[in-house]
PDB file of N, CA and C in Angstrom:
ATOM      1  N   LYS A   1     -27.729 -58.505 178.252  1.00  0.00           N
ATOM      2  CA  LYS A   1     -28.291 -59.597 177.456  1.00  0.00           C
ATOM      3  C   LYS A   1     -29.813 -59.547 177.410  1.00  0.00           C
ATOM      4  N   GLU A   2     -30.480 -59.070 178.465  1.00  0.00           N
ATOM      5  CA  GLU A   2     -31.941 -59.037 178.481  1.00  0.00           C
ATOM      6  C   GLU A   2     -32.492 -58.182 177.349  1.00  0.00           C
ATOM      7  N   GLY A   3     -31.849 -57.067 177.087  1.00  0.00           N
ATOM      8  CA  GLY A   3     -32.288 -56.194 176.003  1.00  0.00           C
ATOM      9  C   GLY A   3     -32.161 -56.847 174.643  1.00  0.00           C
ATOM     10  N   LEU A   4     -31.234 -57.781 174.523  1.00  0.00           N
ATOM     11  CA  LEU A   4     -31.033 -58.463 173.248  1.00  0.00           C
ATOM     12  C   LEU A   4     -32.148 -59.448 172.927  1.00  0.00           C
ATOM     13  N   GLU A   5     -32.920 -59.853 173.932  1.00  0.00           N
ATOM     14  CA  GLU A   5     -34.043 -60.765 173.687  1.00  0.00           C
ATOM     15  C   GLU A   5     -35.023 -60.159 172.691  1.00  0.00           C
ATOM     16  N   LEU A   6     -35.177 -58.840 172.734  1.00  0.00           N
ATOM     17  CA  LEU A   6     -36.095 -58.158 171.827  1.00  0.00           C
ATOM     18  C   LEU A   6     -35.663 -58.289 170.373  1.00  0.00           C
ATOM     19  N   ALA A   7     -34.390 -58.385 170.161  1.00  0.00           N
ATOM     20  CA  ALA A   7     -33.859 -58.449 168.803  1.00  0.00           C
ATOM     21  C   ALA A   7     -33.327 -59.838 168.466  1.00  0.00           C
ATOM     22  N   LYS A   8     -33.790 -60.849 169.175  1.00  0.00           N
ATOM     23  CA  LYS A   8     -33.253 -62.202 169.029  1.00  0.00           C
ATOM     24  C   LYS A   8     -33.334 -62.729 167.593  1.00  0.00           C
ATOM     25  N   ASP A   9     -34.481 -62.551 166.931  1.00  0.00           N
ATOM     26  CA  ASP A   9     -34.632 -63.058 165.563  1.00  0.00           C
ATOM     27  C   ASP A   9     -33.651 -62.389 164.609  1.00  0.00           C
ATOM     28  N   LEU A  10     -33.523 -61.073 164.729  1.00  0.00           N
ATOM     29  CA  LEU A  10     -32.589 -60.351 163.873  1.00  0.00           C
ATOM     30  C   LEU A  10     -31.154 -60.791 164.136  1.00  0.00           C
ATOM     31  N   LEU A  11     -30.793 -60.929 165.401  1.00  0.00           N
ATOM     32  CA  LEU A  11     -29.442 -61.371 165.747  1.00  0.00           C
ATOM     33  C   LEU A  11     -29.154 -62.766 165.196  1.00  0.00           C
ATOM     34  N   GLU A  12     -30.118 -63.666 165.310  1.00  0.00           N
ATOM     35  CA  GLU A  12     -29.938 -65.019 164.776  1.00  0.00           C
ATOM     36  C   GLU A  12     -29.761 -64.981 163.262  1.00  0.00           C
ATOM     37  N   ASN A  13     -30.519 -64.127 162.593  1.00  0.00           N
ATOM     38  CA  ASN A  13     -30.418 -63.998 161.146  1.00  0.00           C
ATOM     39  C   ASN A  13     -29.034 -63.493 160.741  1.00  0.00           C
ATOM     40  N   ILE A  14     -28.546 -62.496 161.450  1.00  0.00           N
ATOM     41  CA  ILE A  14     -27.211 -61.964 161.166  1.00  0.00           C
ATOM     42  C   ILE A  14     -26.160 -63.028 161.446  1.00  0.00           C
ATOM     43  N   LYS A  15     -26.292 -63.710 162.563  1.00  0.00           N
ATOM     44  CA  LYS A  15     -25.329 -64.759 162.921  1.00  0.00           C
ATOM     45  C   LYS A  15     -25.316 -65.858 161.857  1.00  0.00           C
ATOM     46  N   GLU A  16     -26.494 -66.289 161.402  1.00  0.00           N
ATOM     47  CA  GLU A  16     -26.574 -67.306 160.353  1.00  0.00           C
ATOM     48  C   GLU A  16     -25.923 -66.820 159.061  1.00  0.00           C
ATOM     49  N   SER A  17     -26.094 -65.540 158.747  1.00  0.00           N
ATOM     50  CA  SER A  17     -25.481 -64.972 157.549  1.00  0.00           C
ATOM     51  C   SER A  17     -23.961 -64.998 157.636  1.00  0.00           C
ATOM     52  N   VAL A  18     -23.432 -64.608 158.789  1.00  0.00           N
ATOM     53  CA  VAL A  18     -21.979 -64.605 158.980  1.00  0.00           C
ATOM     54  C   VAL A  18     -21.439 -66.031 158.902  1.00  0.00           C
ATOM     55  N   ILE A  19     -22.108 -66.964 159.554  1.00  0.00           N
ATOM     56  CA  ILE A  19     -21.678 -68.367 159.504  1.00  0.00           C
ATOM     57  C   ILE A  19     -21.726 -68.882 158.071  1.00  0.00           C
ATOM     58  N   TYR A  20     -22.781 -68.534 157.332  1.00  0.00           N
ATOM     59  CA  TYR A  20     -22.914 -68.969 155.943  1.00  0.00           C
ATOM     60  C   TYR A  20     -21.720 -68.494 155.113  1.00  0.00           C
ATOM     61  N   VAL A  21     -21.389 -67.228 155.239  1.00  0.00           N
ATOM     62  CA  VAL A  21     -20.281 -66.665 154.456  1.00  0.00           C
ATOM     63  C   VAL A  21     -18.957 -67.295 154.861  1.00  0.00           C
ATOM     64  N   LYS A  22     -18.734 -67.466 156.160  1.00  0.00           N
ATOM     65  CA  LYS A  22     -17.446 -67.965 156.640  1.00  0.00           C
ATOM     66  C   LYS A  22     -17.284 -69.478 156.520  1.00  0.00           C
ATOM     67  N   SER A  23     -18.340 -70.184 156.119  1.00  0.00           N
ATOM     68  CA  SER A  23     -18.287 -71.648 156.124  1.00  0.00           C
ATOM     69  C   SER A  23     -17.529 -72.265 154.954  1.00  0.00           C
ATOM     70  N   SER A  24     -17.213 -71.485 153.938  1.00  0.00           N
ATOM     71  CA  SER A  24     -16.420 -72.041 152.837  1.00  0.00           C
ATOM     72  C   SER A  24     -15.593 -70.943 152.177  1.00  0.00           C
ATOM     73  N   GLN A  25     -14.497 -71.354 151.604  1.00  0.00           N
ATOM     74  CA  GLN A  25     -13.623 -70.394 150.932  1.00  0.00           C
ATOM     75  C   GLN A  25     -14.334 -69.751 149.744  1.00  0.00           C
ATOM     76  N   GLY A  26     -15.109 -70.536 149.017  1.00  0.00           N
ATOM     77  CA  GLY A  26     -15.843 -69.997 147.868  1.00  0.00           C
ATOM     78  C   GLY A  26     -16.832 -68.915 148.276  1.00  0.00           C
ATOM     79  N   ARG A  27     -17.522 -69.130 149.386  1.00  0.00           N
ATOM     80  CA  ARG A  27     -18.474 -68.125 149.868  1.00  0.00           C
ATOM     81  C   ARG A  27     -17.754 -66.876 150.358  1.00  0.00           C
ATOM     82  N   LYS A  28     -16.612 -67.062 150.998  1.00  0.00           N
ATOM     83  CA  LYS A  28     -15.820 -65.906 151.433  1.00  0.00           C
ATOM     84  C   LYS A  28     -15.406 -65.076 150.228  1.00  0.00           C
ATOM     85  N   GLU A  29     -14.945 -65.751 149.182  1.00  0.00           N
ATOM     86  CA  GLU A  29     -14.522 -65.043 147.973  1.00  0.00           C
ATOM     87  C   GLU A  29     -15.702 -64.351 147.300  1.00  0.00           C
ATOM     88  N   ALA A  30     -16.849 -65.024 147.253  1.00  0.00           N
ATOM     89  CA  ALA A  30     -18.042 -64.418 146.661  1.00  0.00           C
ATOM     90  C   ALA A  30     -18.468 -63.184 147.460  1.00  0.00           C
ATOM     91  N   PHE A  31     -18.436 -63.283 148.784  1.00  0.00           N
ATOM     92  CA  PHE A  31     -18.811 -62.147 149.620  1.00  0.00           C
ATOM     93  C   PHE A  31     -17.817 -61.004 149.443  1.00  0.00           C
ATOM     94  N   HIS A  32     -16.545 -61.336 149.346  1.00  0.00           N
ATOM     95  CA  HIS A  32     -15.528 -60.307 149.119  1.00  0.00           C
ATOM     96  C   HIS A  32     -15.789 -59.595 147.790  1.00  0.00           C
ATOM     97  N   ALA A  33     -16.137 -60.356 146.752  1.00  0.00           N
ATOM     98  CA  ALA A  33     -16.453 -59.762 145.447  1.00  0.00           C
ATOM     99  C   ALA A  33     -17.694 -58.874 145.550  1.00  0.00           C
ATOM    100  N   CYS A  34     -18.699 -59.324 146.280  1.00  0.00           N
ATOM    101  CA  CYS A  34     -19.913 -58.522 146.484  1.00  0.00           C
ATOM    102  C   CYS A  34     -19.577 -57.235 147.234  1.00  0.00           C
ATOM    103  N   SER A  35     -18.703 -57.331 148.209  1.00  0.00           N
ATOM    104  CA  SER A  35     -18.274 -56.158 148.973  1.00  0.00           C
ATOM    105  C   SER A  35     -17.542 -55.177 148.069  1.00  0.00           C
ATOM    106  N   ALA A  36     -16.661 -55.705 147.232  1.00  0.00           N
ATOM    107  CA  ALA A  36     -15.896 -54.852 146.324  1.00  0.00           C
ATOM    108  C   ALA A  36     -16.825 -54.142 145.339  1.00  0.00           C
ATOM    109  N   ARG A  37     -17.835 -54.852 144.829  1.00  0.00           N
ATOM    110  CA  ARG A  37     -18.794 -54.231 143.905  1.00  0.00           C
ATOM    111  C   ARG A  37     -19.540 -53.079 144.569  1.00  0.00           C
ATOM    112  N   GLU A  38     -19.730 -53.169 145.854  1.00  0.00           N
ATOM    113  CA  GLU A  38     -20.430 -52.118 146.599  1.00  0.00           C
ATOM    114  C   GLU A  38     -19.464 -51.053 147.126  1.00  0.00           C
ATOM    115  N   GLY A  39     -18.167 -51.216 146.850  1.00  0.00           N
ATOM    116  CA  GLY A  39     -17.169 -50.250 147.301  1.00  0.00           C
ATOM    117  C   GLY A  39     -16.869 -50.329 148.788  1.00  0.00           C
ATOM    118  N   LEU A  40     -17.103 -51.485 149.383  1.00  0.00           N
ATOM    119  CA  LEU A  40     -16.884 -51.662 150.820  1.00  0.00           C
ATOM    120  C   LEU A  40     -15.503 -52.239 151.087  1.00  0.00           C
ATOM    121  N   LYS A  41     -14.801 -51.622 152.019  1.00  0.00           N
ATOM    122  CA  LYS A  41     -13.460 -52.069 152.385  1.00  0.00           C
ATOM    123  C   LYS A  41     -13.363 -52.119 153.899  1.00  0.00           C
ATOM    124  N   GLY A  42     -12.269 -52.655 154.378  1.00  0.00           N
ATOM    125  CA  GLY A  42     -12.031 -52.674 155.816  1.00  0.00           C
ATOM    126  C   GLY A  42     -12.171 -54.060 156.397  1.00  0.00           C
ATOM    127  N   ALA A  43     -12.279 -54.100 157.714  1.00  0.00           N
ATOM    128  CA  ALA A  43     -12.384 -55.376 158.427  1.00  0.00           C
ATOM    129  C   ALA A  43     -13.599 -56.144 157.938  1.00  0.00           C
ATOM    130  N   GLY A  44     -13.441 -57.443 157.846  1.00  0.00           N
ATOM    131  CA  GLY A  44     -14.520 -58.293 157.372  1.00  0.00           C
ATOM    132  C   GLY A  44     -15.541 -58.580 158.452  1.00  0.00           C
ATOM    133  N   LEU A  45     -16.282 -59.629 158.243  1.00  0.00           N
ATOM    134  CA  LEU A  45     -17.348 -60.009 159.165  1.00  0.00           C
ATOM    135  C   LEU A  45     -16.780 -60.569 160.458  1.00  0.00           C
ATOM    136  N   SER A  46     -17.554 -60.422 161.508  1.00  0.00           N
ATOM    137  CA  SER A  46     -17.159 -60.907 162.824  1.00  0.00           C
ATOM    138  C   SER A  46     -18.331 -61.675 163.418  1.00  0.00           C
ATOM    139  N   LEU A  47     -18.037 -62.772 164.084  1.00  0.00           N
ATOM    140  CA  LEU A  47     -19.067 -63.594 164.715  1.00  0.00           C
ATOM    141  C   LEU A  47     -19.026 -63.384 166.222  1.00  0.00           C
ATOM    142  N   ASP A  48     -20.191 -63.324 166.856  1.00  0.00           N
ATOM    143  CA  ASP A  48     -20.199 -63.121 168.303  1.00  0.00           C
ATOM    144  C   ASP A  48     -19.743 -64.379 169.037  1.00  0.00           C
ATOM    145  N   VAL A  49     -19.136 -64.146 170.194  1.00  0.00           N
ATOM    146  CA  VAL A  49     -18.590 -65.214 171.027  1.00  0.00           C
ATOM    147  C   VAL A  49     -19.119 -64.995 172.446  1.00  0.00           C
ATOM    148  N   ALA A  50     -19.643 -66.031 173.056  1.00  0.00           N
ATOM    149  CA  ALA A  50     -20.270 -65.905 174.378  1.00  0.00           C
ATOM    150  C   ALA A  50     -19.319 -65.371 175.444  1.00  0.00           C
ATOM    151  N   THR A  51     -18.035 -65.630 175.321  1.00  0.00           N
ATOM    152  CA  THR A  51     -17.081 -65.224 176.353  1.00  0.00           C
ATOM    153  C   THR A  51     -16.523 -63.818 176.144  1.00  0.00           C
ATOM    154  N   ARG A  52     -16.878 -63.173 175.064  1.00  0.00           N
ATOM    155  CA  ARG A  52     -16.423 -61.797 174.816  1.00  0.00           C
ATOM    156  C   ARG A  52     -17.629 -60.871 174.875  1.00  0.00           C
ATOM    157  N   TRP A  53     -17.655 -59.988 175.847  1.00  0.00           N
ATOM    158  CA  TRP A  53     -18.831 -59.157 176.103  1.00  0.00           C
ATOM    159  C   TRP A  53     -19.190 -58.248 174.940  1.00  0.00           C
ATOM    160  N   ASN A  54     -18.214 -57.795 174.173  1.00  0.00           N
ATOM    161  CA  ASN A  54     -18.498 -56.844 173.100  1.00  0.00           C
ATOM    162  C   ASN A  54     -18.598 -57.494 171.722  1.00  0.00           C
ATOM    163  N   SER A  55     -18.535 -58.800 171.643  1.00  0.00           N
ATOM    164  CA  SER A  55     -18.507 -59.453 170.332  1.00  0.00           C
ATOM    165  C   SER A  55     -19.838 -59.353 169.592  1.00  0.00           C
ATOM    166  N   THR A  56     -20.954 -59.338 170.301  1.00  0.00           N
ATOM    167  CA  THR A  56     -22.254 -59.182 169.635  1.00  0.00           C
ATOM    168  C   THR A  56     -22.352 -57.793 169.022  1.00  0.00           C
ATOM    169  N   TYR A  57     -21.908 -56.795 169.757  1.00  0.00           N
ATOM    170  CA  TYR A  57     -21.892 -55.428 169.237  1.00  0.00           C
ATOM    171  C   TYR A  57     -21.021 -55.343 167.983  1.00  0.00           C
ATOM    172  N   GLU A  58     -19.835 -55.913 168.043  1.00  0.00           N
ATOM    173  CA  GLU A  58     -18.919 -55.879 166.897  1.00  0.00           C
ATOM    174  C   GLU A  58     -19.533 -56.596 165.695  1.00  0.00           C
ATOM    175  N   MET A  59     -20.193 -57.722 165.918  1.00  0.00           N
ATOM    176  CA  MET A  59     -20.849 -58.449 164.835  1.00  0.00           C
ATOM    177  C   MET A  59     -21.914 -57.568 164.177  1.00  0.00           C
ATOM    178  N   LEU A  60     -22.700 -56.869 164.989  1.00  0.00           N
ATOM    179  CA  LEU A  60     -23.753 -56.000 164.462  1.00  0.00           C
ATOM    180  C   LEU A  60     -23.188 -54.829 163.673  1.00  0.00           C
ATOM    181  N   VAL A  61     -22.160 -54.189 164.203  1.00  0.00           N
ATOM    182  CA  VAL A  61     -21.544 -53.049 163.520  1.00  0.00           C
ATOM    183  C   VAL A  61     -21.046 -53.462 162.137  1.00  0.00           C
ATOM    184  N   ARG A  62     -20.373 -54.591 162.080  1.00  0.00           N
ATOM    185  CA  ARG A  62     -19.835 -55.044 160.797  1.00  0.00           C
ATOM    186  C   ARG A  62     -20.936 -55.500 159.849  1.00  0.00           C
ATOM    187  N   ALA A  63     -21.980 -56.133 160.370  1.00  0.00           N
ATOM    188  CA  ALA A  63     -23.090 -56.568 159.517  1.00  0.00           C
ATOM    189  C   ALA A  63     -23.796 -55.363 158.902  1.00  0.00           C
ATOM    190  N   VAL A  64     -23.974 -54.309 159.684  1.00  0.00           N
ATOM    191  CA  VAL A  64     -24.593 -53.093 159.151  1.00  0.00           C
ATOM    192  C   VAL A  64     -23.706 -52.492 158.068  1.00  0.00           C
ATOM    193  N   LYS A  65     -22.407 -52.456 158.321  1.00  0.00           N
ATOM    194  CA  LYS A  65     -21.472 -51.907 157.339  1.00  0.00           C
ATOM    195  C   LYS A  65     -21.552 -52.671 156.021  1.00  0.00           C
ATOM    196  N   PHE A  66     -21.705 -53.988 156.091  1.00  0.00           N
ATOM    197  CA  PHE A  66     -21.698 -54.829 154.894  1.00  0.00           C
ATOM    198  C   PHE A  66     -23.106 -55.215 154.433  1.00  0.00           C
ATOM    199  N   ARG A  67     -24.111 -54.461 154.855  1.00  0.00           N
ATOM    200  CA  ARG A  67     -25.499 -54.759 154.493  1.00  0.00           C
ATOM    201  C   ARG A  67     -25.694 -54.873 152.981  1.00  0.00           C
ATOM    202  N   LYS A  68     -25.151 -53.937 152.226  1.00  0.00           N
ATOM    203  CA  LYS A  68     -25.293 -53.963 150.762  1.00  0.00           C
ATOM    204  C   LYS A  68     -24.604 -55.183 150.161  1.00  0.00           C
ATOM    205  N   ALA A  69     -23.505 -55.616 150.750  1.00  0.00           N
ATOM    206  CA  ALA A  69     -22.820 -56.816 150.257  1.00  0.00           C
ATOM    207  C   ALA A  69     -23.679 -58.053 150.496  1.00  0.00           C
ATOM    208  N   PHE A  70     -24.371 -58.111 151.634  1.00  0.00           N
ATOM    209  CA  PHE A  70     -25.296 -59.222 151.890  1.00  0.00           C
ATOM    210  C   PHE A  70     -26.420 -59.223 150.853  1.00  0.00           C
ATOM    211  N   GLU A  71     -26.949 -58.042 150.543  1.00  0.00           N
ATOM    212  CA  GLU A  71     -28.009 -57.942 149.536  1.00  0.00           C
ATOM    213  C   GLU A  71     -27.500 -58.402 148.176  1.00  0.00           C
ATOM    214  N   ASN A  72     -26.285 -58.001 147.843  1.00  0.00           N
ATOM    215  CA  ASN A  72     -25.661 -58.399 146.586  1.00  0.00           C
ATOM    216  C   ASN A  72     -25.467 -59.910 146.552  1.00  0.00           C
ATOM    217  N   LEU A  73     -25.021 -60.488 147.656  1.00  0.00           N
ATOM    218  CA  LEU A  73     -24.818 -61.930 147.745  1.00  0.00           C
ATOM    219  C   LEU A  73     -26.136 -62.676 147.553  1.00  0.00           C
ATOM    220  N   ALA A  74     -27.222 -62.145 148.111  1.00  0.00           N
ATOM    221  CA  ALA A  74     -28.535 -62.789 147.984  1.00  0.00           C
ATOM    222  C   ALA A  74     -28.971 -62.865 146.526  1.00  0.00           C
ATOM    223  N   SER A  75     -28.621 -61.867 145.724  1.00  0.00           N
ATOM    224  CA  SER A  75     -28.998 -61.899 144.308  1.00  0.00           C
ATOM    225  C   SER A  75     -28.063 -62.795 143.498  1.00  0.00           C
ATOM    226  N   TYR A  76     -26.871 -63.032 144.018  1.00  0.00           N
ATOM    227  CA  TYR A  76     -25.862 -63.842 143.330  1.00  0.00           C
ATOM    228  C   TYR A  76     -25.947 -65.323 143.696  1.00  0.00           C
ATOM    229  N   ASP A  77     -26.273 -65.613 144.946  1.00  0.00           N
ATOM    230  CA  ASP A  77     -26.238 -66.982 145.471  1.00  0.00           C
ATOM    231  C   ASP A  77     -27.636 -67.431 145.901  1.00  0.00           C
ATOM    232  N   PRO A  78     -28.304 -68.265 145.104  1.00  0.00           N
ATOM    233  CA  PRO A  78     -29.666 -68.694 145.449  1.00  0.00           C
ATOM    234  C   PRO A  78     -29.740 -69.551 146.717  1.00  0.00           C
ATOM    235  N   SER A  79     -28.620 -70.088 147.182  1.00  0.00           N
ATOM    236  CA  SER A  79     -28.606 -70.896 148.406  1.00  0.00           C
ATOM    237  C   SER A  79     -28.620 -70.035 149.666  1.00  0.00           C
ATOM    238  N   TYR A  80     -28.290 -68.769 149.518  1.00  0.00           N
ATOM    239  CA  TYR A  80     -28.231 -67.865 150.669  1.00  0.00           C
ATOM    240  C   TYR A  80     -29.645 -67.407 151.021  1.00  0.00           C
ATOM    241  N   LYS A  81     -30.107 -67.770 152.210  1.00  0.00           N
ATOM    242  CA  LYS A  81     -31.495 -67.513 152.614  1.00  0.00           C
ATOM    243  C   LYS A  81     -31.642 -66.636 153.857  1.00  0.00           C
ATOM    244  N   SER A  82     -30.554 -66.222 154.476  1.00  0.00           N
ATOM    245  CA  SER A  82     -30.629 -65.541 155.781  1.00  0.00           C
ATOM    246  C   SER A  82     -30.382 -64.048 155.701  1.00  0.00           C
ATOM    247  N   LEU A  83     -30.838 -63.415 154.659  1.00  0.00           N
ATOM    248  CA  LEU A  83     -30.583 -61.988 154.490  1.00  0.00           C
ATOM    249  C   LEU A  83     -31.068 -61.208 155.707  1.00  0.00           C
ATOM    250  N   PRO A  84     -30.130 -60.508 156.383  1.00  0.00           N
ATOM    251  CA  PRO A  84     -30.542 -59.733 157.576  1.00  0.00           C
ATOM    252  C   PRO A  84     -31.320 -58.478 157.195  1.00  0.00           C
TER     253      PRO A  84
END
């Protein structure tokens, strides 16, 4: 966890992005459409959980995979402000 302090702002930004997408069905559908436009498939976004040691890593891996979908969402949804 100490090493993660260096990347705290980035992690918070990614976490806020995942929460934003998962907070409503409409946003989930919009993100799925953005992912499809970018040709991205597979497991969706994952949020870190304090009780699971590898959940932060999994959240980061998936956020990197879906980076282009986040960029696409930012151009589609003016309310989305947490682009990682």
